[in-house]
Amino acid sequence: MVSSKVLSDFYFMPRPNVLDIPVPDAVAGNTYEAKVVAVDAYGNASPEETLTFTR
């Protein structure tokens, strides 16, 4: 399991549409599942989203 906190870089203009987050030791052809929760500056969390992807 890999866990990471990523700052959205909201202070950059224009704002990026995509965040590129490397997955260490990911193996080509394997399928992975990412669970994502967005948290704003006040600590409000979004509902968890699950994303499945293949490297």
PDB file of N, CA and C in Angstrom:
ATOM      1  N   MET A   1       0.849  -1.178   0.000  1.00  0.00           N
ATOM      2  CA  MET A   1       0.000   0.000   0.000  1.00  0.00           C
ATOM      3  C   MET A   1       0.893   1.240   0.000  1.00  0.00           C
ATOM      4  N   VAL A   2       0.544   2.195  -0.824  1.00  0.00           N
ATOM      5  CA  VAL A   2       1.257   3.464  -0.899  1.00  0.00           C
ATOM      6  C   VAL A   2       0.265   4.555  -0.523  1.00  0.00           C
ATOM      7  N   SER A   3       0.692   5.475   0.314  1.00  0.00           N
ATOM      8  CA  SER A   3      -0.167   6.587   0.711  1.00  0.00           C
ATOM      9  C   SER A   3       0.579   7.883   0.431  1.00  0.00           C
ATOM     10  N   SER A   4      -0.147   8.879  -0.063  1.00  0.00           N
ATOM     11  CA  SER A   4       0.502  10.131  -0.402  1.00  0.00           C
ATOM     12  C   SER A   4      -0.470  11.287  -0.231  1.00  0.00           C
ATOM     13  N   LYS A   5       0.046  12.414   0.233  1.00  0.00           N
ATOM     14  CA  LYS A   5      -0.724  13.654   0.266  1.00  0.00           C
ATOM     15  C   LYS A   5      -0.130  14.556  -0.803  1.00  0.00           C
ATOM     16  N   VAL A   6      -1.002  15.122  -1.641  1.00  0.00           N
ATOM     17  CA  VAL A   6      -0.545  15.928  -2.769  1.00  0.00           C
ATOM     18  C   VAL A   6      -1.214  17.289  -2.723  1.00  0.00           C
ATOM     19  N   LEU A   7      -0.412  18.331  -2.764  1.00  0.00           N
ATOM     20  CA  LEU A   7      -0.936  19.691  -2.829  1.00  0.00           C
ATOM     21  C   LEU A   7      -1.391  19.968  -4.255  1.00  0.00           C
ATOM     22  N   SER A   8      -2.531  20.590  -4.402  1.00  0.00           N
ATOM     23  CA  SER A   8      -3.113  20.789  -5.729  1.00  0.00           C
ATOM     24  C   SER A   8      -2.431  21.863  -6.555  1.00  0.00           C
ATOM     25  N   ASP A   9      -1.503  22.601  -5.989  1.00  0.00           N
ATOM     26  CA  ASP A   9      -0.855  23.706  -6.699  1.00  0.00           C
ATOM     27  C   ASP A   9      -1.869  24.748  -7.166  1.00  0.00           C
ATOM     28  N   PHE A  10      -2.889  25.007  -6.321  1.00  0.00           N
ATOM     29  CA  PHE A  10      -3.952  25.936  -6.682  1.00  0.00           C
ATOM     30  C   PHE A  10      -3.454  27.355  -6.896  1.00  0.00           C
ATOM     31  N   TYR A  11      -2.270  27.643  -6.397  1.00  0.00           N
ATOM     32  CA  TYR A  11      -1.744  29.002  -6.504  1.00  0.00           C
ATOM     33  C   TYR A  11      -1.058  29.248  -7.841  1.00  0.00           C
ATOM     34  N   PHE A  12      -0.902  28.219  -8.683  1.00  0.00           N
ATOM     35  CA  PHE A  12      -0.342  28.404 -10.020  1.00  0.00           C
ATOM     36  C   PHE A  12      -1.438  28.844 -10.975  1.00  0.00           C
ATOM     37  N   MET A  13      -1.089  29.740 -11.872  1.00  0.00           N
ATOM     38  CA  MET A  13      -2.044  30.166 -12.898  1.00  0.00           C
ATOM     39  C   MET A  13      -1.433  29.920 -14.257  1.00  0.00           C
ATOM     40  N   PRO A  14      -2.110  29.315 -15.180  1.00  0.00           N
ATOM     41  CA  PRO A  14      -3.422  28.704 -14.994  1.00  0.00           C
ATOM     42  C   PRO A  14      -3.327  27.450 -14.133  1.00  0.00           C
ATOM     43  N   ARG A  15      -4.436  27.091 -13.510  1.00  0.00           N
ATOM     44  CA  ARG A  15      -4.464  25.904 -12.653  1.00  0.00           C
ATOM     45  C   ARG A  15      -4.284  24.649 -13.491  1.00  0.00           C
ATOM     46  N   PRO A  16      -3.511  23.694 -12.996  1.00  0.00           N
ATOM     47  CA  PRO A  16      -3.342  22.452 -13.754  1.00  0.00           C
ATOM     48  C   PRO A  16      -4.626  21.621 -13.744  1.00  0.00           C
ATOM     49  N   ASN A  17      -4.944  20.985 -14.876  1.00  0.00           N
ATOM     50  CA  ASN A  17      -6.114  20.112 -14.966  1.00  0.00           C
ATOM     51  C   ASN A  17      -5.786  18.691 -14.524  1.00  0.00           C
ATOM     52  N   VAL A  18      -4.509  18.352 -14.547  1.00  0.00           N
ATOM     53  CA  VAL A  18      -4.079  16.989 -14.244  1.00  0.00           C
ATOM     54  C   VAL A  18      -2.946  17.042 -13.232  1.00  0.00           C
ATOM     55  N   LEU A  19      -2.993  16.149 -12.260  1.00  0.00           N
ATOM     56  CA  LEU A  19      -1.888  15.996 -11.322  1.00  0.00           C
ATOM     57  C   LEU A  19      -1.186  14.687 -11.651  1.00  0.00           C
ATOM     58  N   ASP A  20       0.092  14.743 -11.934  1.00  0.00           N
ATOM     59  CA  ASP A  20       0.876  13.548 -12.244  1.00  0.00           C
ATOM     60  C   ASP A  20       1.528  13.068 -10.959  1.00  0.00           C
ATOM     61  N   ILE A  21       1.049  11.924 -10.452  1.00  0.00           N
ATOM     62  CA  ILE A  21       1.540  11.396  -9.185  1.00  0.00           C
ATOM     63  C   ILE A  21       2.202  10.050  -9.454  1.00  0.00           C
ATOM     64  N   PRO A  22       3.530   9.977  -9.348  1.00  0.00           N
ATOM     65  CA  PRO A  22       4.226   8.726  -9.623  1.00  0.00           C
ATOM     66  C   PRO A  22       3.889   7.651  -8.588  1.00  0.00           C
ATOM     67  N   VAL A  23       3.805   6.413  -9.044  1.00  0.00           N
ATOM     68  CA  VAL A  23       3.571   5.266  -8.159  1.00  0.00           C
ATOM     69  C   VAL A  23       4.870   4.473  -8.101  1.00  0.00           C
ATOM     70  N   PRO A  24       5.562   4.517  -6.960  1.00  0.00           N
ATOM     71  CA  PRO A  24       6.844   3.807  -6.884  1.00  0.00           C
ATOM     72  C   PRO A  24       6.661   2.304  -7.042  1.00  0.00           C
ATOM     73  N   ASP A  25       7.595   1.674  -7.738  1.00  0.00           N
ATOM     74  CA  ASP A  25       7.603   0.223  -7.936  1.00  0.00           C
ATOM     75  C   ASP A  25       6.395  -0.309  -8.692  1.00  0.00           C
ATOM     76  N   ALA A  26       5.693   0.527  -9.441  1.00  0.00           N
ATOM     77  CA  ALA A  26       4.564   0.054 -10.247  1.00  0.00           C
ATOM     78  C   ALA A  26       5.099  -0.822 -11.384  1.00  0.00           C
ATOM     79  N   VAL A  27       4.407  -1.921 -11.638  1.00  0.00           N
ATOM     80  CA  VAL A  27       4.831  -2.871 -12.656  1.00  0.00           C
ATOM     81  C   VAL A  27       3.950  -2.704 -13.888  1.00  0.00           C
ATOM     82  N   ALA A  28       4.576  -2.567 -15.058  1.00  0.00           N
ATOM     83  CA  ALA A  28       3.833  -2.415 -16.310  1.00  0.00           C
ATOM     84  C   ALA A  28       2.902  -3.603 -16.503  1.00  0.00           C
ATOM     85  N   GLY A  29       1.654  -3.326 -16.873  1.00  0.00           N
ATOM     86  CA  GLY A  29       0.663  -4.363 -17.123  1.00  0.00           C
ATOM     87  C   GLY A  29      -0.176  -4.713 -15.908  1.00  0.00           C
ATOM     88  N   ASN A  30       0.238  -4.292 -14.719  1.00  0.00           N
ATOM     89  CA  ASN A  30      -0.545  -4.562 -13.509  1.00  0.00           C
ATOM     90  C   ASN A  30      -1.671  -3.550 -13.370  1.00  0.00           C
ATOM     91  N   THR A  31      -2.763  -3.982 -12.753  1.00  0.00           N
ATOM     92  CA  THR A  31      -3.893  -3.104 -12.479  1.00  0.00           C
ATOM     93  C   THR A  31      -3.807  -2.641 -11.037  1.00  0.00           C
ATOM     94  N   TYR A  32      -4.067  -1.349 -10.824  1.00  0.00           N
ATOM     95  CA  TYR A  32      -3.979  -0.750  -9.499  1.00  0.00           C
ATOM     96  C   TYR A  32      -5.278  -0.034  -9.174  1.00  0.00           C
ATOM     97  N   GLU A  33      -5.518   0.167  -7.886  1.00  0.00           N
ATOM     98  CA  GLU A  33      -6.696   0.886  -7.423  1.00  0.00           C
ATOM     99  C   GLU A  33      -6.226   2.052  -6.565  1.00  0.00           C
ATOM    100  N   ALA A  34      -6.759   3.230  -6.851  1.00  0.00           N
ATOM    101  CA  ALA A  34      -6.423   4.422  -6.067  1.00  0.00           C
ATOM    102  C   ALA A  34      -7.696   4.932  -5.402  1.00  0.00           C
ATOM    103  N   LYS A  35      -7.600   5.248  -4.132  1.00  0.00           N
ATOM    104  CA  LYS A  35      -8.710   5.864  -3.410  1.00  0.00           C
ATOM    105  C   LYS A  35      -8.321   7.314  -3.164  1.00  0.00           C
ATOM    106  N   VAL A  36      -9.202   8.232  -3.566  1.00  0.00           N
ATOM    107  CA  VAL A  36      -8.883   9.653  -3.532  1.00  0.00           C
ATOM    108  C   VAL A  36      -9.921  10.401  -2.705  1.00  0.00           C
ATOM    109  N   VAL A  37      -9.426  11.247  -1.800  1.00  0.00           N
ATOM    110  CA  VAL A  37     -10.282  12.137  -1.018  1.00  0.00           C
ATOM    111  C   VAL A  37      -9.682  13.536  -1.139  1.00  0.00           C
ATOM    112  N   ALA A  38     -10.485  14.490  -1.568  1.00  0.00           N
ATOM    113  CA  ALA A  38     -10.025  15.877  -1.652  1.00  0.00           C
ATOM    114  C   ALA A  38     -10.362  16.571  -0.333  1.00  0.00           C
ATOM    115  N   VAL A  39      -9.411  17.333   0.179  1.00  0.00           N
ATOM    116  CA  VAL A  39      -9.617  18.072   1.435  1.00  0.00           C
ATOM    117  C   VAL A  39      -9.251  19.530   1.179  1.00  0.00           C
ATOM    118  N   ASP A  40     -10.163  20.436   1.532  1.00  0.00           N
ATOM    119  CA  ASP A  40      -9.873  21.849   1.307  1.00  0.00           C
ATOM    120  C   ASP A  40      -9.103  22.442   2.489  1.00  0.00           C
ATOM    121  N   ALA A  41      -8.788  23.728   2.395  1.00  0.00           N
ATOM    122  CA  ALA A  41      -7.973  24.395   3.408  1.00  0.00           C
ATOM    123  C   ALA A  41      -8.646  24.434   4.781  1.00  0.00           C
ATOM    124  N   TYR A  42      -9.959  24.212   4.819  1.00  0.00           N
ATOM    125  CA  TYR A  42     -10.689  24.227   6.077  1.00  0.00           C
ATOM    126  C   TYR A  42     -10.860  22.829   6.675  1.00  0.00           C
ATOM    127  N   GLY A  43     -10.329  21.807   5.984  1.00  0.00           N
ATOM    128  CA  GLY A  43     -10.439  20.441   6.480  1.00  0.00           C
ATOM    129  C   GLY A  43     -11.682  19.702   6.021  1.00  0.00           C
ATOM    130  N   ASN A  44     -12.485  20.330   5.153  1.00  0.00           N
ATOM    131  CA  ASN A  44     -13.676  19.662   4.618  1.00  0.00           C
ATOM    132  C   ASN A  44     -13.251  18.616   3.601  1.00  0.00           C
ATOM    133  N   ALA A  45     -13.719  17.380   3.771  1.00  0.00           N
ATOM    134  CA  ALA A  45     -13.329  16.279   2.884  1.00  0.00           C
ATOM    135  C   ALA A  45     -14.464  15.916   1.933  1.00  0.00           C
ATOM    136  N   SER A  46     -14.078  15.577   0.702  1.00  0.00           N
ATOM    137  CA  SER A  46     -15.049  15.101  -0.275  1.00  0.00           C
ATOM    138  C   SER A  46     -15.333  13.626  -0.005  1.00  0.00           C
ATOM    139  N   PRO A  47     -16.403  13.089  -0.598  1.00  0.00           N
ATOM    140  CA  PRO A  47     -16.602  11.644  -0.523  1.00  0.00           C
ATOM    141  C   PRO A  47     -15.429  10.937  -1.215  1.00  0.00           C
ATOM    142  N   GLU A  48     -15.061   9.776  -0.736  1.00  0.00           N
ATOM    143  CA  GLU A  48     -13.968   9.014  -1.319  1.00  0.00           C
ATOM    144  C   GLU A  48     -14.363   8.502  -2.700  1.00  0.00           C
ATOM    145  N   GLU A  49     -13.464   8.646  -3.646  1.00  0.00           N
ATOM    146  CA  GLU A  49     -13.628   8.098  -5.000  1.00  0.00           C
ATOM    147  C   GLU A  49     -12.596   7.019  -5.209  1.00  0.00           C
ATOM    148  N   THR A  50     -12.973   5.940  -5.867  1.00  0.00           N
ATOM    149  CA  THR A  50     -12.047   4.868  -6.174  1.00  0.00           C
ATOM    150  C   THR A  50     -11.816   4.847  -7.677  1.00  0.00           C
ATOM    151  N   LEU A  51     -10.551   4.832  -8.068  1.00  0.00           N
ATOM    152  CA  LEU A  51     -10.158   4.820  -9.477  1.00  0.00           C
ATOM    153  C   LEU A  51      -9.321   3.572  -9.731  1.00  0.00           C
ATOM    154  N   THR A  52      -9.602   2.894 -10.817  1.00  0.00           N
ATOM    155  CA  THR A  52      -8.810   1.726 -11.204  1.00  0.00           C
ATOM    156  C   THR A  52      -8.043   2.085 -12.465  1.00  0.00           C
ATOM    157  N   PHE A  53      -6.755   1.734 -12.496  1.00  0.00           N
ATOM    158  CA  PHE A  53      -5.940   2.041 -13.671  1.00  0.00           C
ATOM    159  C   PHE A  53      -4.901   0.955 -13.881  1.00  0.00           C
ATOM    160  N   THR A  54      -4.439   0.856 -15.113  1.00  0.00           N
ATOM    161  CA  THR A  54      -3.387  -0.090 -15.470  1.00  0.00           C
ATOM    162  C   THR A  54      -2.170   0.714 -15.905  1.00  0.00           C
ATOM    163  N   ARG A  55      -1.023   0.321 -15.395  1.00  0.00           N
ATOM    164  CA  ARG A  55       0.203   1.022 -15.780  1.00  0.00           C
ATOM    165  C   ARG A  55       0.702   0.468 -17.082  1.00  0.00           C
TER     166      ARG A  55
END
